[in-house]
Amino acid sequence: MKIELIQPFINSADAVLAEMLKAIVEINSVSMKEEVYRRKGVAASVTIHGDIEGRIIFDLDPETALQVAGVLAGGEVEPSEELARETVCELANMVVGNAVTLLNDQGFRFKVFAPEVHTTEQGYAGNQETEALVMCFDTPRGKVHMNIAMRYNRRRREDSASAPIS
């Protein structure tokens, strides 16, 4: 496992959820998966390309997404599928934003794409090159699942910078 690629996302999710919900957040389960992740509710996917590459999926059941939306709005919200999707995308923005700041500080260079609603039933599986981690955070508002599939790009920037010029 390339913990240096995955740990910033774990730390960021823990901190963002605890701060946003003003509550203790517990990591319920962590597993490395070779089989494909199955979506559990409303999900958003963020893609990263560059020195490191991969995807992160945030997945909440619809009721949890609406409860989180209420916390973000500061009160009651009108339940809708659109609001649930927007909430999961906003959560993805906050968590990934914090994590990529840490990775940038470590010298990694990459592009982060905007969160997209993840509508397929399946997520991403690991393979020999890509670490895939699935974890569940227990919050007072419900469970938040995060699926991280990350790997080093074959030609990292440092590798190409040290190559002799012909």
C-alpha atoms as a PDB file:
ATOM      1  CA  MET A   1       0.000   0.000   0.000  1.00  0.00           C
ATOM      2  CA  LYS A   2       1.260   3.473  -0.884  1.00  0.00           C
ATOM      3  CA  ILE A   3       0.112   5.027   2.370  1.00  0.00           C
ATOM      4  CA  GLU A   4       1.666   8.388   1.449  1.00  0.00           C
ATOM      5  CA  LEU A   5      -0.899   8.654  -1.374  1.00  0.00           C
ATOM      6  CA  ILE A   6      -3.907   7.510   0.628  1.00  0.00           C
ATOM      7  CA  GLN A   7      -3.311   8.959   4.104  1.00  0.00           C
ATOM      8  CA  PRO A   8      -3.963  12.614   3.129  1.00  0.00           C
ATOM      9  CA  PHE A   9      -7.464  11.641   1.948  1.00  0.00           C
ATOM     10  CA  ILE A  10      -8.192   9.704   5.143  1.00  0.00           C
ATOM     11  CA  ASN A  11      -6.976  12.559   7.353  1.00  0.00           C
ATOM     12  CA  SER A  12      -8.872  15.128   5.331  1.00  0.00           C
ATOM     13  CA  ALA A  13     -12.154  13.175   5.361  1.00  0.00           C
ATOM     14  CA  ASP A  14     -11.888  12.684   9.118  1.00  0.00           C
ATOM     15  CA  ALA A  15     -11.159  16.374   9.759  1.00  0.00           C
ATOM     16  CA  VAL A  16     -13.764  17.764   7.333  1.00  0.00           C
ATOM     17  CA  LEU A  17     -16.543  15.491   8.595  1.00  0.00           C
ATOM     18  CA  ALA A  18     -15.738  16.195  12.262  1.00  0.00           C
ATOM     19  CA  GLU A  19     -15.584  19.959  11.685  1.00  0.00           C
ATOM     20  CA  MET A  20     -18.631  20.138   9.428  1.00  0.00           C
ATOM     21  CA  LEU A  21     -20.826  17.964  11.657  1.00  0.00           C
ATOM     22  CA  LYS A  22     -19.346  19.269  14.940  1.00  0.00           C
ATOM     23  CA  ALA A  23     -19.118  15.695  16.173  1.00  0.00           C
ATOM     24  CA  ILE A  24     -16.755  12.811  16.698  1.00  0.00           C
ATOM     25  CA  VAL A  25     -16.326  10.733  13.555  1.00  0.00           C
ATOM     26  CA  GLU A  26     -15.216   7.133  13.795  1.00  0.00           C
ATOM     27  CA  ILE A  27     -13.684   4.998  11.097  1.00  0.00           C
ATOM     28  CA  ASN A  28     -15.878   1.905  11.080  1.00  0.00           C
ATOM     29  CA  SER A  29     -14.106  -0.245   8.528  1.00  0.00           C
ATOM     30  CA  VAL A  30     -11.065  -0.106   6.283  1.00  0.00           C
ATOM     31  CA  SER A  31     -10.287  -2.674   3.626  1.00  0.00           C
ATOM     32  CA  MET A  32      -8.130  -3.103   0.579  1.00  0.00           C
ATOM     33  CA  LYS A  33     -10.361  -4.327  -2.208  1.00  0.00           C
ATOM     34  CA  GLU A  34      -9.467  -6.253  -5.304  1.00  0.00           C
ATOM     35  CA  GLU A  35     -13.096  -6.694  -6.248  1.00  0.00           C
ATOM     36  CA  VAL A  36     -15.091  -3.763  -7.594  1.00  0.00           C
ATOM     37  CA  TYR A  37     -16.683  -1.401  -5.081  1.00  0.00           C
ATOM     38  CA  ARG A  38     -20.500  -1.325  -5.140  1.00  0.00           C
ATOM     39  CA  ARG A  39     -22.197   2.058  -4.803  1.00  0.00           C
ATOM     40  CA  LYS A  40     -24.429   2.314  -1.743  1.00  0.00           C
ATOM     41  CA  GLY A  41     -26.371   5.532  -2.392  1.00  0.00           C
ATOM     42  CA  VAL A  42     -25.629   9.001  -3.766  1.00  0.00           C
ATOM     43  CA  ALA A  43     -22.017   9.171  -4.892  1.00  0.00           C
ATOM     44  CA  ALA A  44     -19.522  11.641  -6.357  1.00  0.00           C
ATOM     45  CA  SER A  45     -16.247  10.817  -8.079  1.00  0.00           C
ATOM     46  CA  VAL A  46     -13.127  13.002  -8.312  1.00  0.00           C
ATOM     47  CA  THR A  47     -10.394  12.193 -10.846  1.00  0.00           C
ATOM     48  CA  ILE A  48      -6.706  13.110 -10.461  1.00  0.00           C
ATOM     49  CA  HIS A  49      -4.084  13.033 -13.263  1.00  0.00           C
ATOM     50  CA  GLY A  50      -0.369  13.835 -13.078  1.00  0.00           C
ATOM     51  CA  ASP A  51       2.484  12.537 -10.913  1.00  0.00           C
ATOM     52  CA  ILE A  52      -0.182  10.526  -9.130  1.00  0.00           C
ATOM     53  CA  GLU A  53      -3.375   9.308 -10.740  1.00  0.00           C
ATOM     54  CA  GLY A  54      -6.611   7.853  -9.586  1.00  0.00           C
ATOM     55  CA  ARG A  55     -10.144   8.434  -8.439  1.00  0.00           C
ATOM     56  CA  ILE A  56     -11.873   9.028  -5.142  1.00  0.00           C
ATOM     57  CA  ILE A  57     -15.555   8.222  -4.634  1.00  0.00           C
ATOM     58  CA  PHE A  58     -17.656   9.616  -1.791  1.00  0.00           C
ATOM     59  CA  ASP A  59     -20.830   7.647  -1.225  1.00  0.00           C
ATOM     60  CA  LEU A  60     -23.686   8.463   1.161  1.00  0.00           C
ATOM     61  CA  ASP A  61     -27.153   7.019   1.445  1.00  0.00           C
ATOM     62  CA  PRO A  62     -29.739   9.626   0.362  1.00  0.00           C
ATOM     63  CA  GLU A  63     -30.957  10.302   3.921  1.00  0.00           C
ATOM     64  CA  THR A  64     -27.399  10.930   5.162  1.00  0.00           C
ATOM     65  CA  ALA A  65     -26.741  13.270   2.217  1.00  0.00           C
ATOM     66  CA  LEU A  66     -29.879  15.282   3.067  1.00  0.00           C
ATOM     67  CA  GLN A  67     -28.917  15.468   6.749  1.00  0.00           C
ATOM     68  CA  VAL A  68     -25.446  16.719   5.804  1.00  0.00           C
ATOM     69  CA  ALA A  69     -27.107  19.245   3.456  1.00  0.00           C
ATOM     70  CA  GLY A  70     -29.125  20.525   6.402  1.00  0.00           C
ATOM     71  CA  VAL A  71     -25.957  20.970   8.443  1.00  0.00           C
ATOM     72  CA  LEU A  72     -24.266  22.842   5.578  1.00  0.00           C
ATOM     73  CA  ALA A  73     -27.361  25.043   5.094  1.00  0.00           C
ATOM     74  CA  GLY A  74     -27.684  25.691   8.809  1.00  0.00           C
ATOM     75  CA  GLY A  75     -31.203  24.280   9.115  1.00  0.00           C
ATOM     76  CA  GLU A  76     -34.002  22.341   7.494  1.00  0.00           C
ATOM     77  CA  VAL A  77     -33.795  21.753   3.750  1.00  0.00           C
ATOM     78  CA  GLU A  78     -36.354  20.686   1.183  1.00  0.00           C
ATOM     79  CA  PRO A  79     -35.456  17.062   0.366  1.00  0.00           C
ATOM     80  CA  SER A  80     -34.599  16.375  -3.276  1.00  0.00           C
ATOM     81  CA  GLU A  81     -32.350  14.102  -5.292  1.00  0.00           C
ATOM     82  CA  GLU A  82     -30.614  17.156  -6.733  1.00  0.00           C
ATOM     83  CA  LEU A  83     -29.781  18.488  -3.265  1.00  0.00           C
ATOM     84  CA  ALA A  84     -28.405  15.092  -2.228  1.00  0.00           C
ATOM     85  CA  ARG A  85     -26.145  15.014  -5.326  1.00  0.00           C
ATOM     86  CA  GLU A  86     -24.955  18.593  -4.775  1.00  0.00           C
ATOM     87  CA  THR A  87     -24.174  17.822  -1.137  1.00  0.00           C
ATOM     88  CA  VAL A  88     -22.052  14.783  -1.988  1.00  0.00           C
ATOM     89  CA  CYS A  89     -20.167  16.804  -4.627  1.00  0.00           C
ATOM     90  CA  GLU A  90     -19.541  19.613  -2.121  1.00  0.00           C
ATOM     91  CA  LEU A  91     -18.287  17.119   0.453  1.00  0.00           C
ATOM     92  CA  ALA A  92     -15.952  15.674  -2.196  1.00  0.00           C
ATOM     93  CA  ASN A  93     -14.681  19.198  -2.991  1.00  0.00           C
ATOM     94  CA  MET A  94     -13.868  19.932   0.643  1.00  0.00           C
ATOM     95  CA  VAL A  95     -12.149  16.622   1.400  1.00  0.00           C
ATOM     96  CA  VAL A  96     -10.159  16.406  -1.829  1.00  0.00           C
ATOM     97  CA  GLY A  97      -9.195  20.083  -1.619  1.00  0.00           C
ATOM     98  CA  ASN A  98      -7.574  19.568   1.771  1.00  0.00           C
ATOM     99  CA  ALA A  99      -5.877  16.335   0.713  1.00  0.00           C
ATOM    100  CA  VAL A 100      -4.389  17.707  -2.502  1.00  0.00           C
ATOM    101  CA  THR A 101      -2.917  20.640  -0.594  1.00  0.00           C
ATOM    102  CA  LEU A 102      -0.943  18.156   1.502  1.00  0.00           C
ATOM    103  CA  LEU A 103       0.125  16.204  -1.594  1.00  0.00           C
ATOM    104  CA  ASN A 104       1.183  19.425  -3.375  1.00  0.00           C
ATOM    105  CA  ASP A 105       3.270  20.332  -0.325  1.00  0.00           C
ATOM    106  CA  GLN A 106       5.036  16.959  -0.725  1.00  0.00           C
ATOM    107  CA  GLY A 107       6.028  17.925  -4.265  1.00  0.00           C
ATOM    108  CA  PHE A 108       3.457  15.986  -6.283  1.00  0.00           C
ATOM    109  CA  ARG A 109       2.105  17.779  -9.343  1.00  0.00           C
ATOM    110  CA  PHE A 110      -1.267  16.841 -10.756  1.00  0.00           C
ATOM    111  CA  LYS A 111      -4.584  18.164 -11.981  1.00  0.00           C
ATOM    112  CA  VAL A 112      -7.760  17.621  -9.978  1.00  0.00           C
ATOM    113  CA  PHE A 113     -11.007  17.464 -11.933  1.00  0.00           C
ATOM    114  CA  ALA A 114     -14.317  18.726 -10.551  1.00  0.00           C
ATOM    115  CA  PRO A 115     -16.493  16.173  -8.755  1.00  0.00           C
ATOM    116  CA  GLU A 116     -18.983  14.359 -10.929  1.00  0.00           C
ATOM    117  CA  VAL A 117     -22.038  12.479  -9.806  1.00  0.00           C
ATOM    118  CA  HIS A 118     -21.118   8.784  -9.874  1.00  0.00           C
ATOM    119  CA  THR A 119     -24.179   6.992 -11.236  1.00  0.00           C
ATOM    120  CA  THR A 120     -22.845   3.568 -12.119  1.00  0.00           C
ATOM    121  CA  GLU A 121     -23.392   0.799  -9.609  1.00  0.00           C
ATOM    122  CA  GLN A 122     -19.705  -0.089  -9.530  1.00  0.00           C
ATOM    123  CA  GLY A 123     -16.695   1.853  -8.321  1.00  0.00           C
ATOM    124  CA  TYR A 124     -13.029   1.136  -8.823  1.00  0.00           C
ATOM    125  CA  ALA A 125     -11.054  -1.968  -7.973  1.00  0.00           C
ATOM    126  CA  GLY A 126      -7.391  -2.270  -7.179  1.00  0.00           C
ATOM    127  CA  ASN A 127      -4.753  -3.986  -9.267  1.00  0.00           C
ATOM    128  CA  GLN A 128      -0.986  -4.427  -9.108  1.00  0.00           C
ATOM    129  CA  GLU A 129      -0.331  -0.747  -9.893  1.00  0.00           C
ATOM    130  CA  THR A 130      -3.264   0.893  -8.148  1.00  0.00           C
ATOM    131  CA  GLU A 131      -3.995   0.841  -4.450  1.00  0.00           C
ATOM    132  CA  ALA A 132      -7.753   0.660  -3.789  1.00  0.00           C
ATOM    133  CA  LEU A 133      -8.993   1.326  -0.306  1.00  0.00           C
ATOM    134  CA  VAL A 134     -12.597   1.340   0.874  1.00  0.00           C
ATOM    135  CA  MET A 135     -13.467   2.850   4.217  1.00  0.00           C
ATOM    136  CA  CYS A 136     -16.586   3.784   6.116  1.00  0.00           C
ATOM    137  CA  PHE A 137     -16.850   6.755   8.471  1.00  0.00           C
ATOM    138  CA  ASP A 138     -19.596   6.598  11.108  1.00  0.00           C
ATOM    139  CA  THR A 139     -21.063  10.024  11.820  1.00  0.00           C
ATOM    140  CA  PRO A 140     -24.064  11.121  13.889  1.00  0.00           C
ATOM    141  CA  ARG A 141     -25.816  11.833  10.556  1.00  0.00           C
ATOM    142  CA  GLY A 142     -25.096   8.429   8.978  1.00  0.00           C
ATOM    143  CA  LYS A 143     -22.348   6.534   7.196  1.00  0.00           C
ATOM    144  CA  VAL A 144     -19.969   8.098   4.690  1.00  0.00           C
ATOM    145  CA  HIS A 145     -18.141   5.669   2.415  1.00  0.00           C
ATOM    146  CA  MET A 146     -14.933   6.616   0.632  1.00  0.00           C
ATOM    147  CA  ASN A 147     -13.343   4.542  -2.135  1.00  0.00           C
ATOM    148  CA  ILE A 148      -9.781   5.613  -3.028  1.00  0.00           C
ATOM    149  CA  ALA A 149      -7.948   4.132  -6.023  1.00  0.00           C
ATOM    150  CA  MET A 150      -4.536   5.824  -6.432  1.00  0.00           C
ATOM    151  CA  ARG A 151      -1.210   5.053  -8.053  1.00  0.00           C
ATOM    152  CA  TYR A 152       2.028   6.701  -9.034  1.00  0.00           C
ATOM    153  CA  ASN A 153       2.167   7.710 -12.672  1.00  0.00           C
ATOM    154  CA  ARG A 154       4.744   5.618 -14.543  1.00  0.00           C
ATOM    155  CA  ARG A 155       6.835   8.667 -15.360  1.00  0.00           C
ATOM    156  CA  ARG A 156       6.893  10.929 -12.382  1.00  0.00           C
ATOM    157  CA  ARG A 157       8.114  14.429 -12.864  1.00  0.00           C
ATOM    158  CA  GLU A 158      11.270  13.763 -10.815  1.00  0.00           C
ATOM    159  CA  ASP A 159      12.149  10.804 -13.013  1.00  0.00           C
ATOM    160  CA  SER A 160      11.912  12.831 -16.198  1.00  0.00           C
ATOM    161  CA  ALA A 161      13.839  15.761 -14.656  1.00  0.00           C
ATOM    162  CA  SER A 162      16.785  13.498 -13.808  1.00  0.00           C
ATOM    163  CA  ALA A 163      16.939  11.846 -17.233  1.00  0.00           C
ATOM    164  CA  PRO A 164      19.923  12.946 -19.344  1.00  0.00           C
ATOM    165  CA  ILE A 165      19.141  15.127 -22.338  1.00  0.00           C
ATOM    166  CA  SER A 166      20.282  13.673 -25.650  1.00  0.00           C
END
